[in-house]
Amino acid sequence: MPRITFGFSLSGPRIQQDLLKEFALHRDVIASAGADHIIWVETNDSPVAMWEARATVRMFDDGATEIDGQP
């Protein structure tokens, strides 16, 4: 199945660490930390998987913004 990577700018380092731990529990999701409180989330390129990745980030950080580009 094709994959997609999303980037999110987060409110701080604590949220970044919490999300990395959370995504480690998700099947078929790979998350990695970027500089300046950015997290990269790779998941299946299906509407449900993309919605779940975005929803998970927003559950942890209402102020998260999705960014363009790739890691």
PDB file of N, CA and C in Angstrom:
ATOM      1  N   MET A   1       0.848  -1.175   0.000  1.00  0.00           N
ATOM      2  CA  MET A   1       0.000   0.000   0.000  1.00  0.00           C
ATOM      3  C   MET A   1       0.899   1.245   0.000  1.00  0.00           C
ATOM      4  N   PRO A   2       0.541   2.259  -0.773  1.00  0.00           N
ATOM      5  CA  PRO A   2       1.325   3.498  -0.791  1.00  0.00           C
ATOM      6  C   PRO A   2       1.347   4.167   0.583  1.00  0.00           C
ATOM      7  N   ARG A   3       2.398   4.953   0.805  1.00  0.00           N
ATOM      8  CA  ARG A   3       2.579   5.622   2.089  1.00  0.00           C
ATOM      9  C   ARG A   3       2.641   7.127   1.863  1.00  0.00           C
ATOM     10  N   ILE A   4       2.363   7.871   2.937  1.00  0.00           N
ATOM     11  CA  ILE A   4       2.425   9.326   2.899  1.00  0.00           C
ATOM     12  C   ILE A   4       3.073   9.802   4.198  1.00  0.00           C
ATOM     13  N   THR A   5       3.786  10.917   4.121  1.00  0.00           N
ATOM     14  CA  THR A   5       4.416  11.496   5.302  1.00  0.00           C
ATOM     15  C   THR A   5       3.877  12.892   5.533  1.00  0.00           C
ATOM     16  N   PHE A   6       3.463  13.137   6.768  1.00  0.00           N
ATOM     17  CA  PHE A   6       2.978  14.448   7.194  1.00  0.00           C
ATOM     18  C   PHE A   6       3.994  15.065   8.147  1.00  0.00           C
ATOM     19  N   GLY A   7       4.120  16.369   8.108  1.00  0.00           N
ATOM     20  CA  GLY A   7       4.924  17.089   9.086  1.00  0.00           C
ATOM     21  C   GLY A   7       4.032  18.006   9.897  1.00  0.00           C
ATOM     22  N   PHE A   8       4.322  18.100  11.191  1.00  0.00           N
ATOM     23  CA  PHE A   8       3.558  18.971  12.072  1.00  0.00           C
ATOM     24  C   PHE A   8       4.510  19.786  12.931  1.00  0.00           C
ATOM     25  N   SER A   9       4.244  21.072  13.016  1.00  0.00           N
ATOM     26  CA  SER A   9       4.958  21.946  13.934  1.00  0.00           C
ATOM     27  C   SER A   9       4.170  21.937  15.239  1.00  0.00           C
ATOM     28  N   LEU A  10       4.850  21.598  16.328  1.00  0.00           N
ATOM     29  CA  LEU A  10       4.192  21.413  17.617  1.00  0.00           C
ATOM     30  C   LEU A  10       4.504  22.566  18.575  1.00  0.00           C
ATOM     31  N   SER A  11       3.754  22.597  19.667  1.00  0.00           N
ATOM     32  CA  SER A  11       3.897  23.665  20.657  1.00  0.00           C
ATOM     33  C   SER A  11       5.159  23.556  21.507  1.00  0.00           C
ATOM     34  N   GLY A  12       5.737  22.371  21.621  1.00  0.00           N
ATOM     35  CA  GLY A  12       6.927  22.246  22.444  1.00  0.00           C
ATOM     36  C   GLY A  12       7.508  20.851  22.450  1.00  0.00           C
ATOM     37  N   PRO A  13       8.659  20.697  23.108  1.00  0.00           N
ATOM     38  CA  PRO A  13       9.368  19.417  23.102  1.00  0.00           C
ATOM     39  C   PRO A  13       8.641  18.317  23.873  1.00  0.00           C
ATOM     40  N   ARG A  14       7.917  18.677  24.915  1.00  0.00           N
ATOM     41  CA  ARG A  14       7.197  17.660  25.694  1.00  0.00           C
ATOM     42  C   ARG A  14       6.122  16.990  24.831  1.00  0.00           C
ATOM     43  N   ILE A  15       5.392  17.781  24.079  1.00  0.00           N
ATOM     44  CA  ILE A  15       4.359  17.233  23.204  1.00  0.00           C
ATOM     45  C   ILE A  15       4.988  16.351  22.130  1.00  0.00           C
ATOM     46  N   GLN A  16       6.135  16.772  21.617  1.00  0.00           N
ATOM     47  CA  GLN A  16       6.833  15.984  20.602  1.00  0.00           C
ATOM     48  C   GLN A  16       7.183  14.602  21.167  1.00  0.00           C
ATOM     49  N   GLN A  17       7.723  14.570  22.373  1.00  0.00           N
ATOM     50  CA  GLN A  17       8.098  13.291  22.984  1.00  0.00           C
ATOM     51  C   GLN A  17       6.866  12.429  23.271  1.00  0.00           C
ATOM     52  N   ASP A  18       5.796  13.063  23.759  1.00  0.00           N
ATOM     53  CA  ASP A  18       4.565  12.319  24.029  1.00  0.00           C
ATOM     54  C   ASP A  18       3.990  11.717  22.750  1.00  0.00           C
ATOM     55  N   LEU A  19       4.026  12.476  21.658  1.00  0.00           N
ATOM     56  CA  LEU A  19       3.506  11.957  20.385  1.00  0.00           C
ATOM     57  C   LEU A  19       4.377  10.833  19.833  1.00  0.00           C
ATOM     58  N   LEU A  20       5.677  10.940  19.987  1.00  0.00           N
ATOM     59  CA  LEU A  20       6.550   9.854  19.533  1.00  0.00           C
ATOM     60  C   LEU A  20       6.212   8.558  20.269  1.00  0.00           C
ATOM     61  N   LYS A  21       5.962   8.664  21.562  1.00  0.00           N
ATOM     62  CA  LYS A  21       5.575   7.482  22.348  1.00  0.00           C
ATOM     63  C   LYS A  21       4.216   6.954  21.895  1.00  0.00           C
ATOM     64  N   GLU A  22       3.270   7.863  21.674  1.00  0.00           N
ATOM     65  CA  GLU A  22       1.936   7.451  21.238  1.00  0.00           C
ATOM     66  C   GLU A  22       1.986   6.754  19.875  1.00  0.00           C
ATOM     67  N   PHE A  23       2.681   7.349  18.924  1.00  0.00           N
ATOM     68  CA  PHE A  23       2.728   6.749  17.586  1.00  0.00           C
ATOM     69  C   PHE A  23       3.484   5.426  17.579  1.00  0.00           C
ATOM     70  N   ALA A  24       4.359   5.205  18.539  1.00  0.00           N
ATOM     71  CA  ALA A  24       5.043   3.913  18.630  1.00  0.00           C
ATOM     72  C   ALA A  24       4.043   2.788  18.906  1.00  0.00           C
ATOM     73  N   LEU A  25       2.884   3.136  19.448  1.00  0.00           N
ATOM     74  CA  LEU A  25       1.846   2.157  19.743  1.00  0.00           C
ATOM     75  C   LEU A  25       0.924   1.894  18.553  1.00  0.00           C
ATOM     76  N   HIS A  26       1.012   2.736  17.534  1.00  0.00           N
ATOM     77  CA  HIS A  26       0.132   2.616  16.372  1.00  0.00           C
ATOM     78  C   HIS A  26       0.739   1.675  15.337  1.00  0.00           C
ATOM     79  N   ARG A  27      -0.084   0.784  14.860  1.00  0.00           N
ATOM     80  CA  ARG A  27       0.361  -0.169  13.847  1.00  0.00           C
ATOM     81  C   ARG A  27       0.551   0.555  12.511  1.00  0.00           C
ATOM     82  N   ASP A  28       1.602   0.249  11.823  1.00  0.00           N
ATOM     83  CA  ASP A  28       1.887   0.796  10.493  1.00  0.00           C
ATOM     84  C   ASP A  28       2.128   2.299  10.467  1.00  0.00           C
ATOM     85  N   VAL A  29       2.538   2.883  11.596  1.00  0.00           N
ATOM     86  CA  VAL A  29       2.869   4.304  11.645  1.00  0.00           C
ATOM     87  C   VAL A  29       4.321   4.441  12.093  1.00  0.00           C
ATOM     88  N   ILE A  30       5.053   5.284  11.382  1.00  0.00           N
ATOM     89  CA  ILE A  30       6.439   5.584  11.755  1.00  0.00           C
ATOM     90  C   ILE A  30       6.510   7.077  12.028  1.00  0.00           C
ATOM     91  N   ALA A  31       6.926   7.439  13.222  1.00  0.00           N
ATOM     92  CA  ALA A  31       7.046   8.849  13.588  1.00  0.00           C
ATOM     93  C   ALA A  31       8.496   9.141  13.945  1.00  0.00           C
ATOM     94  N   SER A  32       8.950  10.324  13.549  1.00  0.00           N
ATOM     95  CA  SER A  32      10.317  10.731  13.881  1.00  0.00           C
ATOM     96  C   SER A  32      10.330  12.208  14.244  1.00  0.00           C
ATOM     97  N   ALA A  33      11.278  12.557  15.085  1.00  0.00           N
ATOM     98  CA  ALA A  33      11.407  13.932  15.554  1.00  0.00           C
ATOM     99  C   ALA A  33      12.239  14.747  14.573  1.00  0.00           C
ATOM    100  N   GLY A  34      11.827  15.979  14.388  1.00  0.00           N
ATOM    101  CA  GLY A  34      12.584  16.934  13.593  1.00  0.00           C
ATOM    102  C   GLY A  34      13.026  18.078  14.493  1.00  0.00           C
ATOM    103  N   ALA A  35      13.790  18.993  13.951  1.00  0.00           N
ATOM    104  CA  ALA A  35      14.252  20.157  14.705  1.00  0.00           C
ATOM    105  C   ALA A  35      13.078  21.083  14.998  1.00  0.00           C
ATOM    106  N   ASP A  36      13.250  21.915  15.995  1.00  0.00           N
ATOM    107  CA  ASP A  36      12.269  22.961  16.326  1.00  0.00           C
ATOM    108  C   ASP A  36      10.869  22.419  16.565  1.00  0.00           C
ATOM    109  N   HIS A  37      10.772  21.325  17.305  1.00  0.00           N
ATOM    110  CA  HIS A  37       9.487  20.749  17.722  1.00  0.00           C
ATOM    111  C   HIS A  37       8.619  20.320  16.539  1.00  0.00           C
ATOM    112  N   ILE A  38       9.246  19.710  15.567  1.00  0.00           N
ATOM    113  CA  ILE A  38       8.527  19.174  14.412  1.00  0.00           C
ATOM    114  C   ILE A  38       8.488  17.656  14.541  1.00  0.00           C
ATOM    115  N   ILE A  39       7.372  17.075  14.149  1.00  0.00           N
ATOM    116  CA  ILE A  39       7.263  15.623  14.109  1.00  0.00           C
ATOM    117  C   ILE A  39       6.847  15.218  12.696  1.00  0.00           C
ATOM    118  N   TRP A  40       7.476  14.167  12.204  1.00  0.00           N
ATOM    119  CA  TRP A  40       7.152  13.606  10.887  1.00  0.00           C
ATOM    120  C   TRP A  40       6.432  12.296  11.130  1.00  0.00           C
ATOM    121  N   VAL A  41       5.281  12.120  10.489  1.00  0.00           N
ATOM    122  CA  VAL A  41       4.464  10.933  10.675  1.00  0.00           C
ATOM    123  C   VAL A  41       4.241  10.276   9.317  1.00  0.00           C
ATOM    124  N   GLU A  42       4.706   9.048   9.187  1.00  0.00           N
ATOM    125  CA  GLU A  42       4.512   8.274   7.956  1.00  0.00           C
ATOM    126  C   GLU A  42       3.447   7.225   8.215  1.00  0.00           C
ATOM    127  N   THR A  43       2.474   7.162   7.313  1.00  0.00           N
ATOM    128  CA  THR A  43       1.380   6.212   7.470  1.00  0.00           C
ATOM    129  C   THR A  43       0.885   5.767   6.096  1.00  0.00           C
ATOM    130  N   ASN A  44      -0.060   4.839   6.091  1.00  0.00           N
ATOM    131  CA  ASN A  44      -0.657   4.398   4.834  1.00  0.00           C
ATOM    132  C   ASN A  44      -1.385   5.554   4.171  1.00  0.00           C
ATOM    133  N   ASP A  45      -1.388   5.542   2.868  1.00  0.00           N
ATOM    134  CA  ASP A  45      -2.028   6.606   2.089  1.00  0.00           C
ATOM    135  C   ASP A  45      -3.506   6.274   1.866  1.00  0.00           C
ATOM    136  N   SER A  46      -4.213   6.101   2.963  1.00  0.00           N
ATOM    137  CA  SER A  46      -5.657   5.862   2.898  1.00  0.00           C
ATOM    138  C   SER A  46      -6.341   6.963   3.703  1.00  0.00           C
ATOM    139  N   PRO A  47      -7.559   7.318   3.346  1.00  0.00           N
ATOM    140  CA  PRO A  47      -8.247   8.386   4.072  1.00  0.00           C
ATOM    141  C   PRO A  47      -8.346   8.134   5.580  1.00  0.00           C
ATOM    142  N   VAL A  48      -8.616   6.900   5.978  1.00  0.00           N
ATOM    143  CA  VAL A  48      -8.752   6.591   7.400  1.00  0.00           C
ATOM    144  C   VAL A  48      -7.421   6.752   8.132  1.00  0.00           C
ATOM    145  N   ALA A  49      -6.350   6.242   7.560  1.00  0.00           N
ATOM    146  CA  ALA A  49      -5.035   6.342   8.206  1.00  0.00           C
ATOM    147  C   ALA A  49      -4.574   7.795   8.287  1.00  0.00           C
ATOM    148  N   MET A  50      -4.824   8.564   7.238  1.00  0.00           N
ATOM    149  CA  MET A  50      -4.423   9.972   7.263  1.00  0.00           C
ATOM    150  C   MET A  50      -5.242  10.741   8.298  1.00  0.00           C
ATOM    151  N   TRP A  51      -6.538  10.475   8.381  1.00  0.00           N
ATOM    152  CA  TRP A  51      -7.381  11.135   9.374  1.00  0.00           C
ATOM    153  C   TRP A  51      -6.900  10.782  10.778  1.00  0.00           C
ATOM    154  N   GLU A  52      -6.581   9.504  11.014  1.00  0.00           N
ATOM    155  CA  GLU A  52      -6.138   9.062  12.337  1.00  0.00           C
ATOM    156  C   GLU A  52      -4.839   9.754  12.746  1.00  0.00           C
ATOM    157  N   ALA A  53      -3.897   9.887  11.824  1.00  0.00           N
ATOM    158  CA  ALA A  53      -2.633  10.561  12.140  1.00  0.00           C
ATOM    159  C   ALA A  53      -2.881  12.018  12.518  1.00  0.00           C
ATOM    160  N   ARG A  54      -3.669  12.707  11.717  1.00  0.00           N
ATOM    161  CA  ARG A  54      -3.965  14.122  12.010  1.00  0.00           C
ATOM    162  C   ARG A  54      -4.731  14.269  13.324  1.00  0.00           C
ATOM    163  N   ALA A  55      -5.711  13.400  13.559  1.00  0.00           N
ATOM    164  CA  ALA A  55      -6.511  13.475  14.785  1.00  0.00           C
ATOM    165  C   ALA A  55      -5.654  13.208  16.019  1.00  0.00           C
ATOM    166  N   THR A  56      -4.737  12.266  15.922  1.00  0.00           N
ATOM    167  CA  THR A  56      -3.870  11.957  17.056  1.00  0.00           C
ATOM    168  C   THR A  56      -3.002  13.157  17.408  1.00  0.00           C
ATOM    169  N   VAL A  57      -2.424  13.793  16.411  1.00  0.00           N
ATOM    170  CA  VAL A  57      -1.605  14.982  16.678  1.00  0.00           C
ATOM    171  C   VAL A  57      -2.448  16.052  17.356  1.00  0.00           C
ATOM    172  N   ARG A  58      -3.635  16.280  16.849  1.00  0.00           N
ATOM    173  CA  ARG A  58      -4.485  17.345  17.404  1.00  0.00           C
ATOM    174  C   ARG A  58      -5.011  17.010  18.802  1.00  0.00           C
ATOM    175  N   MET A  59      -5.122  15.723  19.142  1.00  0.00           N
ATOM    176  CA  MET A  59      -5.524  15.345  20.506  1.00  0.00           C
ATOM    177  C   MET A  59      -4.454  15.769  21.514  1.00  0.00           C
ATOM    178  N   PHE A  60      -3.201  15.725  21.091  1.00  0.00           N
ATOM    179  CA  PHE A  60      -2.106  16.079  21.972  1.00  0.00           C
ATOM    180  C   PHE A  60      -1.781  17.565  21.933  1.00  0.00           C
ATOM    181  N   ASP A  61      -2.076  18.227  20.808  1.00  0.00           N
ATOM    182  CA  ASP A  61      -1.667  19.625  20.643  1.00  0.00           C
ATOM    183  C   ASP A  61      -2.660  20.362  19.756  1.00  0.00           C
ATOM    184  N   ASP A  62      -3.571  21.108  20.401  1.00  0.00           N
ATOM    185  CA  ASP A  62      -4.545  21.896  19.650  1.00  0.00           C
ATOM    186  C   ASP A  62      -3.891  22.950  18.764  1.00  0.00           C
ATOM    187  N   GLY A  63      -2.685  23.376  19.137  1.00  0.00           N
ATOM    188  CA  GLY A  63      -1.992  24.406  18.386  1.00  0.00           C
ATOM    189  C   GLY A  63      -1.079  23.887  17.292  1.00  0.00           C
ATOM    190  N   ALA A  64      -1.078  22.574  17.065  1.00  0.00           N
ATOM    191  CA  ALA A  64      -0.220  21.991  16.023  1.00  0.00           C
ATOM    192  C   ALA A  64      -0.649  22.489  14.648  1.00  0.00           C
ATOM    193  N   THR A  65       0.332  22.719  13.793  1.00  0.00           N
ATOM    194  CA  THR A  65       0.031  23.107  12.425  1.00  0.00           C
ATOM    195  C   THR A  65       0.724  22.137  11.480  1.00  0.00           C
ATOM    196  N   GLU A  66      -0.005  21.740  10.457  1.00  0.00           N
ATOM    197  CA  GLU A  66       0.566  20.847   9.460  1.00  0.00           C
ATOM    198  C   GLU A  66       1.463  21.662   8.552  1.00  0.00           C
ATOM    199  N   ILE A  67       2.625  21.122   8.240  1.00  0.00           N
ATOM    200  CA  ILE A  67       3.579  21.830   7.396  1.00  0.00           C
ATOM    201  C   ILE A  67       3.795  21.072   6.096  1.00  0.00           C
ATOM    202  N   ASP A  68       4.197  21.794   5.083  1.00  0.00           N
ATOM    203  CA  ASP A  68       4.493  21.180   3.785  1.00  0.00           C
ATOM    204  C   ASP A  68       5.915  20.661   3.794  1.00  0.00           C
ATOM    205  N   GLY A  69       6.170  19.737   2.912  1.00  0.00           N
ATOM    206  CA  GLY A  69       7.532  19.240   2.758  1.00  0.00           C
ATOM    207  C   GLY A  69       7.689  17.850   3.308  1.00  0.00           C
ATOM    208  N   GLN A  70       8.875  17.329   3.157  1.00  0.00           N
ATOM    209  CA  GLN A  70       9.228  15.986   3.598  1.00  0.00           C
ATOM    210  C   GLN A  70      10.443  16.085   4.514  1.00  0.00           C
ATOM    211  N   PRO A  71      10.609  15.076   5.348  1.00  0.00           N
ATOM    212  CA  PRO A  71      11.784  15.090   6.263  1.00  0.00           C
ATOM    213  C   PRO A  71      13.091  15.034   5.515  1.00  0.00           C
TER     214      PRO A  71
END
